[in-house]
Amino acid sequence: MSRITTHVLDTSRGRPAAGVAVALERETEGGWIAAGRGTTDADGRVKDLMEAGAEVEAATYRLTFETGAYFAALGVESFYPRVVVVFSTSAGEHYHVPVLVNPFGYSTYRGS
């Protein structure tokens, strides 16, 4: 399993949000660089966001969730075309960053 994982729950439907594209980036002195990507599964999870064996560095990471495309595919009008979550890490730990979404809002937290 990836050292950084996520899942997306659609609180307006009371179920996991399947099919949400997610990009993971790490901040460097030169800007943001790709660190992984994936799409949420039927359970709303992305378990293999980073390549197998990739370690988390002490750094700032950014997760971008394509929520606008998700709601558009459901035929639902939404306000946020994407949700961007920026967080800091320590080396070697596991980080689970869930996102709760609805067409007009979102929240996030550090999960376990």
Protein backbone atom coordinates (compact mmCIF):
# COMPACT_ATOMS: atom_id res chain seq x y z
CA MET A 1 0.00 0.00 0.00
CA SER A 2 1.15 3.54 -0.75
CA ARG A 3 2.62 5.59 2.13
CA ILE A 4 0.11 8.34 1.24
CA THR A 5 -3.47 7.16 0.78
CA THR A 6 -6.81 8.86 0.40
CA HIS A 7 -10.48 8.25 0.00
CA VAL A 8 -13.38 10.42 -1.10
CA LEU A 9 -16.86 10.24 0.38
CA ASP A 10 -19.78 11.99 -1.31
CA THR A 11 -21.81 13.27 1.63
CA SER A 12 -24.67 14.39 -0.63
CA ARG A 13 -25.25 10.80 -1.70
CA GLY A 14 -24.10 9.08 1.49
CA ARG A 15 -21.66 6.85 -0.38
CA PRO A 16 -18.08 6.58 -1.63
CA ALA A 17 -17.17 8.75 -4.62
CA ALA A 18 -15.92 6.34 -7.30
CA GLY A 19 -14.06 7.55 -10.37
CA VAL A 20 -12.49 10.72 -8.94
CA ALA A 21 -9.10 11.47 -10.51
CA VAL A 22 -6.47 12.33 -7.88
CA ALA A 23 -2.98 13.77 -8.39
CA LEU A 24 -0.24 13.86 -5.73
CA GLU A 25 2.60 16.37 -5.96
CA ARG A 26 5.58 17.25 -3.75
CA GLU A 27 6.83 20.80 -3.33
CA THR A 28 10.47 21.49 -4.18
CA GLU A 29 12.52 24.67 -4.44
CA GLY A 30 11.73 24.65 -8.17
CA GLY A 31 7.99 24.17 -7.75
CA TRP A 32 5.64 21.19 -7.60
CA ILE A 33 6.67 17.80 -9.01
CA ALA A 34 4.48 14.75 -9.65
CA ALA A 35 4.63 12.12 -6.91
CA GLY A 36 1.68 9.92 -7.93
CA ARG A 37 -1.78 9.74 -9.38
CA GLY A 38 -4.78 7.50 -9.41
CA THR A 39 -8.55 7.23 -9.55
CA THR A 40 -10.83 6.35 -6.68
CA ASP A 41 -12.19 2.80 -6.76
CA ALA A 42 -15.75 1.64 -5.98
CA ASP A 43 -15.01 2.18 -2.28
CA GLY A 44 -13.82 5.76 -2.97
CA ARG A 45 -10.22 4.83 -2.17
CA VAL A 46 -6.87 5.24 -3.90
CA LYS A 47 -4.51 2.75 -2.27
CA ASP A 48 -1.67 2.82 -4.80
CA LEU A 49 -1.25 6.57 -5.21
CA MET A 50 2.55 6.38 -4.92
CA GLU A 51 4.72 3.83 -6.71
CA ALA A 52 5.43 0.63 -4.79
CA GLY A 53 8.33 1.17 -2.40
CA ALA A 54 8.23 4.98 -2.66
CA GLU A 55 8.88 6.66 0.68
CA VAL A 56 7.36 9.79 2.11
CA GLU A 57 9.87 12.60 2.52
CA ALA A 58 9.74 15.37 5.10
CA ALA A 59 8.09 17.80 2.72
CA THR A 60 4.94 19.60 1.71
CA TYR A 61 2.59 17.59 -0.52
CA ARG A 62 -0.48 18.57 -2.51
CA LEU A 63 -3.44 16.36 -3.40
CA THR A 64 -5.74 17.56 -6.20
CA PHE A 65 -9.15 15.93 -6.53
CA GLU A 66 -11.11 16.47 -9.78
CA THR A 67 -14.47 16.88 -8.08
CA GLY A 68 -16.07 18.96 -10.84
CA ALA A 69 -15.67 16.13 -13.35
CA TYR A 70 -17.04 13.66 -10.80
CA PHE A 71 -20.23 15.67 -10.20
CA ALA A 72 -20.61 16.48 -13.92
CA ALA A 73 -20.57 12.73 -14.69
CA LEU A 74 -23.48 12.38 -12.24
CA GLY A 75 -25.33 15.24 -13.93
CA VAL A 76 -25.03 17.36 -10.80
CA GLU A 77 -24.13 21.06 -10.82
CA SER A 78 -21.23 21.84 -8.48
CA PHE A 79 -19.31 24.89 -7.30
CA TYR A 80 -15.73 23.59 -6.92
CA PRO A 81 -14.11 22.22 -10.09
CA ARG A 82 -11.40 20.66 -7.96
CA VAL A 83 -10.40 20.31 -4.33
CA VAL A 84 -6.76 20.97 -3.45
CA VAL A 85 -5.36 19.81 -0.11
CA VAL A 86 -1.86 20.88 0.92
CA PHE A 87 -0.22 19.16 3.92
CA SER A 88 3.17 18.69 5.56
CA THR A 89 4.78 15.36 6.35
CA SER A 90 7.60 13.79 8.32
CA ALA A 91 9.81 11.15 6.70
CA GLY A 92 8.82 7.51 6.91
CA GLU A 93 5.27 7.85 8.24
CA HIS A 94 1.98 6.77 6.65
CA TYR A 95 -0.51 9.51 5.83
CA HIS A 96 -4.18 8.97 5.09
CA VAL A 97 -5.93 12.11 3.83
CA PRO A 98 -9.69 11.63 3.38
CA VAL A 99 -11.95 14.18 1.70
CA LEU A 100 -15.69 14.56 2.26
CA VAL A 101 -17.34 16.25 -0.72
CA ASN A 102 -20.72 17.53 -1.80
CA PRO A 103 -21.59 19.78 -4.75
CA PHE A 104 -21.09 22.98 -2.75
CA GLY A 105 -18.54 22.16 -0.07
CA TYR A 106 -15.84 19.87 1.22
CA SER A 107 -13.81 19.03 4.34
CA THR A 108 -10.68 17.02 5.04
CA TYR A 109 -8.68 15.67 7.97
CA ARG A 110 -5.70 13.46 8.73
CA GLY A 111 -7.04 9.96 8.98
CA SER A 112 -5.40 6.77 10.21
